[in-house]
Amino acid sequence: MNGYDTGSLTTNFTTTPNTWYTVTFDMAGNPGGDAIKRMEVSAAGQSQTYSFIQDSHTNADMGWTSQTFYFKANDSTATLQFKSLNALPFPELCPWGPALDNVNVVPLPPTVLLLGSGLVGLGLLRRKWSLKQ
């Protein structure tokens, strides 16, 4: 995602307001430059930073790792952006940034949210019960 300057990839798509979405993607880093490759993922005013440690990975074995980003849609369209955060004072000296592959966006089923909130509630009840003991 870097070349002469830090880069970004952006796409727009239709969403349903107040619906949670899951973005899955694979991240690696182009060998060279900083050992830590950083990327910011954002959509609907929400963002998260991801890091990949280059270690001994090569062009033949980039060490792809699966990542997940969640966001709640606030309109009927959303802009999803992946932005490299690997920049030096002289960007032309930093052509080796994060690499991106296999991007997938799906709405999160409401039942998953109900299950998650139910599990949190059970955990809180258990904690409260154990404190009384």
C-alpha atoms as a PDB file:
ATOM      1  CA  MET A   1       0.000   0.000   0.000  1.00  0.00           C
ATOM      2  CA  ASN A   2       3.043   2.214  -0.187  1.00  0.00           C
ATOM      3  CA  GLY A   3       4.790   3.443  -3.276  1.00  0.00           C
ATOM      4  CA  TYR A   4       6.195   6.886  -3.725  1.00  0.00           C
ATOM      5  CA  ASP A   5       3.903   7.925  -0.871  1.00  0.00           C
ATOM      6  CA  THR A   6       1.751   6.188   1.751  1.00  0.00           C
ATOM      7  CA  GLY A   7      -1.336   4.821   0.094  1.00  0.00           C
ATOM      8  CA  SER A   8      -4.901   3.901   0.790  1.00  0.00           C
ATOM      9  CA  LEU A   9      -7.652   1.832  -0.787  1.00  0.00           C
ATOM     10  CA  THR A  10     -11.248   3.030  -0.579  1.00  0.00           C
ATOM     11  CA  THR A  11     -14.593   1.607  -1.670  1.00  0.00           C
ATOM     12  CA  ASN A  12     -18.214   2.654  -1.188  1.00  0.00           C
ATOM     13  CA  PHE A  13     -21.078   0.206  -0.723  1.00  0.00           C
ATOM     14  CA  THR A  14     -24.718   0.051   0.325  1.00  0.00           C
ATOM     15  CA  THR A  15     -25.486  -0.561   4.008  1.00  0.00           C
ATOM     16  CA  THR A  16     -28.497  -0.709   6.290  1.00  0.00           C
ATOM     17  CA  PRO A  17     -28.435   2.020   8.967  1.00  0.00           C
ATOM     18  CA  ASN A  18     -27.953   0.795  12.573  1.00  0.00           C
ATOM     19  CA  THR A  19     -26.704  -2.596  11.364  1.00  0.00           C
ATOM     20  CA  TRP A  20     -23.341  -3.986  12.483  1.00  0.00           C
ATOM     21  CA  TYR A  21     -20.939  -5.204   9.789  1.00  0.00           C
ATOM     22  CA  THR A  22     -17.939  -7.504   9.924  1.00  0.00           C
ATOM     23  CA  VAL A  23     -14.965  -6.773   7.681  1.00  0.00           C
ATOM     24  CA  THR A  24     -12.481  -9.629   7.374  1.00  0.00           C
ATOM     25  CA  PHE A  25      -9.187  -9.270   5.534  1.00  0.00           C
ATOM     26  CA  ASP A  26      -5.692 -10.694   5.346  1.00  0.00           C
ATOM     27  CA  MET A  27      -2.718  -8.508   6.208  1.00  0.00           C
ATOM     28  CA  ALA A  28       1.005  -8.921   5.639  1.00  0.00           C
ATOM     29  CA  GLY A  29       3.880  -6.591   4.912  1.00  0.00           C
ATOM     30  CA  ASN A  30       6.106  -5.974   1.931  1.00  0.00           C
ATOM     31  CA  PRO A  31       9.646  -7.069   2.900  1.00  0.00           C
ATOM     32  CA  GLY A  32      11.911  -4.079   3.492  1.00  0.00           C
ATOM     33  CA  GLY A  33      11.739  -0.813   5.371  1.00  0.00           C
ATOM     34  CA  ASP A  34      10.280  -0.732   8.868  1.00  0.00           C
ATOM     35  CA  ALA A  35       9.860  -4.133  10.544  1.00  0.00           C
ATOM     36  CA  ILE A  36       6.381  -3.155  11.766  1.00  0.00           C
ATOM     37  CA  LYS A  37       3.775  -2.490   9.096  1.00  0.00           C
ATOM     38  CA  ARG A  38       0.756  -0.501  10.293  1.00  0.00           C
ATOM     39  CA  MET A  39      -2.633   0.060   8.693  1.00  0.00           C
ATOM     40  CA  GLU A  40      -5.783   1.904   9.710  1.00  0.00           C
ATOM     41  CA  VAL A  41      -9.170   0.504   8.711  1.00  0.00           C
ATOM     42  CA  SER A  42     -12.174   2.826   8.880  1.00  0.00           C
ATOM     43  CA  ALA A  43     -15.857   2.907   7.997  1.00  0.00           C
ATOM     44  CA  ALA A  44     -18.869   4.958   9.126  1.00  0.00           C
ATOM     45  CA  GLY A  45     -16.750   7.186  11.358  1.00  0.00           C
ATOM     46  CA  GLN A  46     -15.172   4.255  13.225  1.00  0.00           C
ATOM     47  CA  SER A  47     -11.569   3.109  12.873  1.00  0.00           C
ATOM     48  CA  GLN A  48      -9.015   0.680  14.197  1.00  0.00           C
ATOM     49  CA  THR A  49      -5.256   0.311  13.727  1.00  0.00           C
ATOM     50  CA  TYR A  50      -3.655  -3.035  12.847  1.00  0.00           C
ATOM     51  CA  SER A  51       0.010  -4.035  12.941  1.00  0.00           C
ATOM     52  CA  PHE A  52       2.034  -6.759  11.252  1.00  0.00           C
ATOM     53  CA  ILE A  53       5.583  -7.646  12.326  1.00  0.00           C
ATOM     54  CA  GLN A  54       7.652  -8.447   9.259  1.00  0.00           C
ATOM     55  CA  ASP A  55      10.191 -10.698  11.059  1.00  0.00           C
ATOM     56  CA  SER A  56      11.754 -13.034   8.505  1.00  0.00           C
ATOM     57  CA  HIS A  57       8.914 -13.124   5.982  1.00  0.00           C
ATOM     58  CA  THR A  58       9.822 -12.907   2.307  1.00  0.00           C
ATOM     59  CA  ASN A  59       8.033 -12.222  -0.967  1.00  0.00           C
ATOM     60  CA  ALA A  60       7.555 -15.997  -1.319  1.00  0.00           C
ATOM     61  CA  ASP A  61       6.226 -16.394   2.261  1.00  0.00           C
ATOM     62  CA  MET A  62       4.601 -13.141   3.326  1.00  0.00           C
ATOM     63  CA  GLY A  63       3.056 -14.550   6.513  1.00  0.00           C
ATOM     64  CA  TRP A  64      -0.520 -13.445   5.854  1.00  0.00           C
ATOM     65  CA  THR A  65      -2.656 -13.064   8.996  1.00  0.00           C
ATOM     66  CA  SER A  66      -6.447 -12.842   9.174  1.00  0.00           C
ATOM     67  CA  GLN A  67      -7.904  -9.710  10.769  1.00  0.00           C
ATOM     68  CA  THR A  68     -11.426  -8.568  11.678  1.00  0.00           C
ATOM     69  CA  PHE A  69     -12.938  -5.084  11.909  1.00  0.00           C
ATOM     70  CA  TYR A  70     -16.487  -4.311  13.100  1.00  0.00           C
ATOM     71  CA  PHE A  71     -18.472  -1.166  12.429  1.00  0.00           C
ATOM     72  CA  LYS A  72     -22.050   0.032  12.811  1.00  0.00           C
ATOM     73  CA  ALA A  73     -23.558   1.619   9.707  1.00  0.00           C
ATOM     74  CA  ASN A  74     -24.983   5.097  10.244  1.00  0.00           C
ATOM     75  CA  ASP A  75     -26.297   5.708   6.727  1.00  0.00           C
ATOM     76  CA  SER A  76     -27.476   3.854   3.617  1.00  0.00           C
ATOM     77  CA  THR A  77     -23.929   3.880   2.223  1.00  0.00           C
ATOM     78  CA  ALA A  78     -20.539   3.463   3.840  1.00  0.00           C
ATOM     79  CA  THR A  79     -16.988   4.166   2.753  1.00  0.00           C
ATOM     80  CA  LEU A  80     -14.508   1.487   3.751  1.00  0.00           C
ATOM     81  CA  GLN A  81     -10.879   2.634   3.768  1.00  0.00           C
ATOM     82  CA  PHE A  82      -7.609   0.808   4.322  1.00  0.00           C
ATOM     83  CA  LYS A  83      -4.793   3.311   4.885  1.00  0.00           C
ATOM     84  CA  SER A  84      -1.081   2.678   5.314  1.00  0.00           C
ATOM     85  CA  LEU A  85       0.449   4.310   8.385  1.00  0.00           C
ATOM     86  CA  ASN A  86       4.046   3.537   7.356  1.00  0.00           C
ATOM     87  CA  ALA A  87       5.525   6.877   6.468  1.00  0.00           C
ATOM     88  CA  LEU A  88       8.947   8.345   7.043  1.00  0.00           C
ATOM     89  CA  PRO A  89       9.812  12.024   6.986  1.00  0.00           C
ATOM     90  CA  PHE A  90      10.655  11.334   3.320  1.00  0.00           C
ATOM     91  CA  PRO A  91       7.861   9.069   1.968  1.00  0.00           C
ATOM     92  CA  GLU A  92       9.808   8.308  -1.205  1.00  0.00           C
ATOM     93  CA  LEU A  93      12.177   6.301   1.017  1.00  0.00           C
ATOM     94  CA  CYS A  94       9.389   4.073   2.366  1.00  0.00           C
ATOM     95  CA  PRO A  95       7.938   1.991  -0.489  1.00  0.00           C
ATOM     96  CA  TRP A  96       7.479  -1.052   1.776  1.00  0.00           C
ATOM     97  CA  GLY A  97       4.192  -0.842   3.611  1.00  0.00           C
ATOM     98  CA  PRO A  98       1.383  -3.171   4.623  1.00  0.00           C
ATOM     99  CA  ALA A  99      -0.133  -5.584   2.120  1.00  0.00           C
ATOM    100  CA  LEU A 100      -3.860  -6.381   1.883  1.00  0.00           C
ATOM    101  CA  ASP A 101      -5.825  -9.328   0.458  1.00  0.00           C
ATOM    102  CA  ASN A 102      -9.148 -11.225   0.715  1.00  0.00           C
ATOM    103  CA  VAL A 103     -11.386  -8.363   1.897  1.00  0.00           C
ATOM    104  CA  ASN A 104     -14.941  -9.437   2.741  1.00  0.00           C
ATOM    105  CA  VAL A 105     -17.789  -7.377   4.263  1.00  0.00           C
ATOM    106  CA  VAL A 106     -20.961  -8.967   5.657  1.00  0.00           C
ATOM    107  CA  PRO A 107     -23.739  -7.745   7.958  1.00  0.00           C
ATOM    108  CA  LEU A 108     -23.546  -9.225  11.446  1.00  0.00           C
ATOM    109  CA  PRO A 109     -26.672 -11.303  12.121  1.00  0.00           C
ATOM    110  CA  PRO A 110     -28.782  -9.829  14.965  1.00  0.00           C
ATOM    111  CA  THR A 111     -28.766 -13.222  16.718  1.00  0.00           C
ATOM    112  CA  VAL A 112     -24.997 -12.930  17.222  1.00  0.00           C
ATOM    113  CA  LEU A 113     -25.497  -9.615  19.023  1.00  0.00           C
ATOM    114  CA  LEU A 114     -28.228 -11.136  21.216  1.00  0.00           C
ATOM    115  CA  LEU A 115     -26.045 -14.126  22.054  1.00  0.00           C
ATOM    116  CA  GLY A 116     -23.113 -11.874  22.918  1.00  0.00           C
ATOM    117  CA  SER A 117     -25.164  -9.600  25.169  1.00  0.00           C
ATOM    118  CA  GLY A 118     -26.750 -12.657  26.828  1.00  0.00           C
ATOM    119  CA  LEU A 119     -23.329 -14.131  27.590  1.00  0.00           C
ATOM    120  CA  VAL A 120     -22.149 -10.834  29.061  1.00  0.00           C
ATOM    121  CA  GLY A 121     -25.280 -10.730  31.251  1.00  0.00           C
ATOM    122  CA  LEU A 122     -24.692 -14.288  32.463  1.00  0.00           C
ATOM    123  CA  GLY A 123     -21.099 -13.440  33.278  1.00  0.00           C
ATOM    124  CA  LEU A 124     -22.168 -10.416  35.319  1.00  0.00           C
ATOM    125  CA  LEU A 125     -24.789 -12.470  37.186  1.00  0.00           C
ATOM    126  CA  ARG A 126     -22.211 -15.134  37.976  1.00  0.00           C
ATOM    127  CA  ARG A 127     -19.763 -12.504  39.231  1.00  0.00           C
ATOM    128  CA  LYS A 128     -22.457 -10.917  41.391  1.00  0.00           C
ATOM    129  CA  TRP A 129     -23.442 -14.337  42.757  1.00  0.00           C
ATOM    130  CA  SER A 130     -19.819 -15.286  43.542  1.00  0.00           C
ATOM    131  CA  LEU A 131     -19.270 -11.962  45.369  1.00  0.00           C
ATOM    132  CA  LYS A 132     -22.205 -12.794  47.692  1.00  0.00           C
ATOM    133  CA  GLN A 133     -20.634 -16.127  48.649  1.00  0.00           C
END
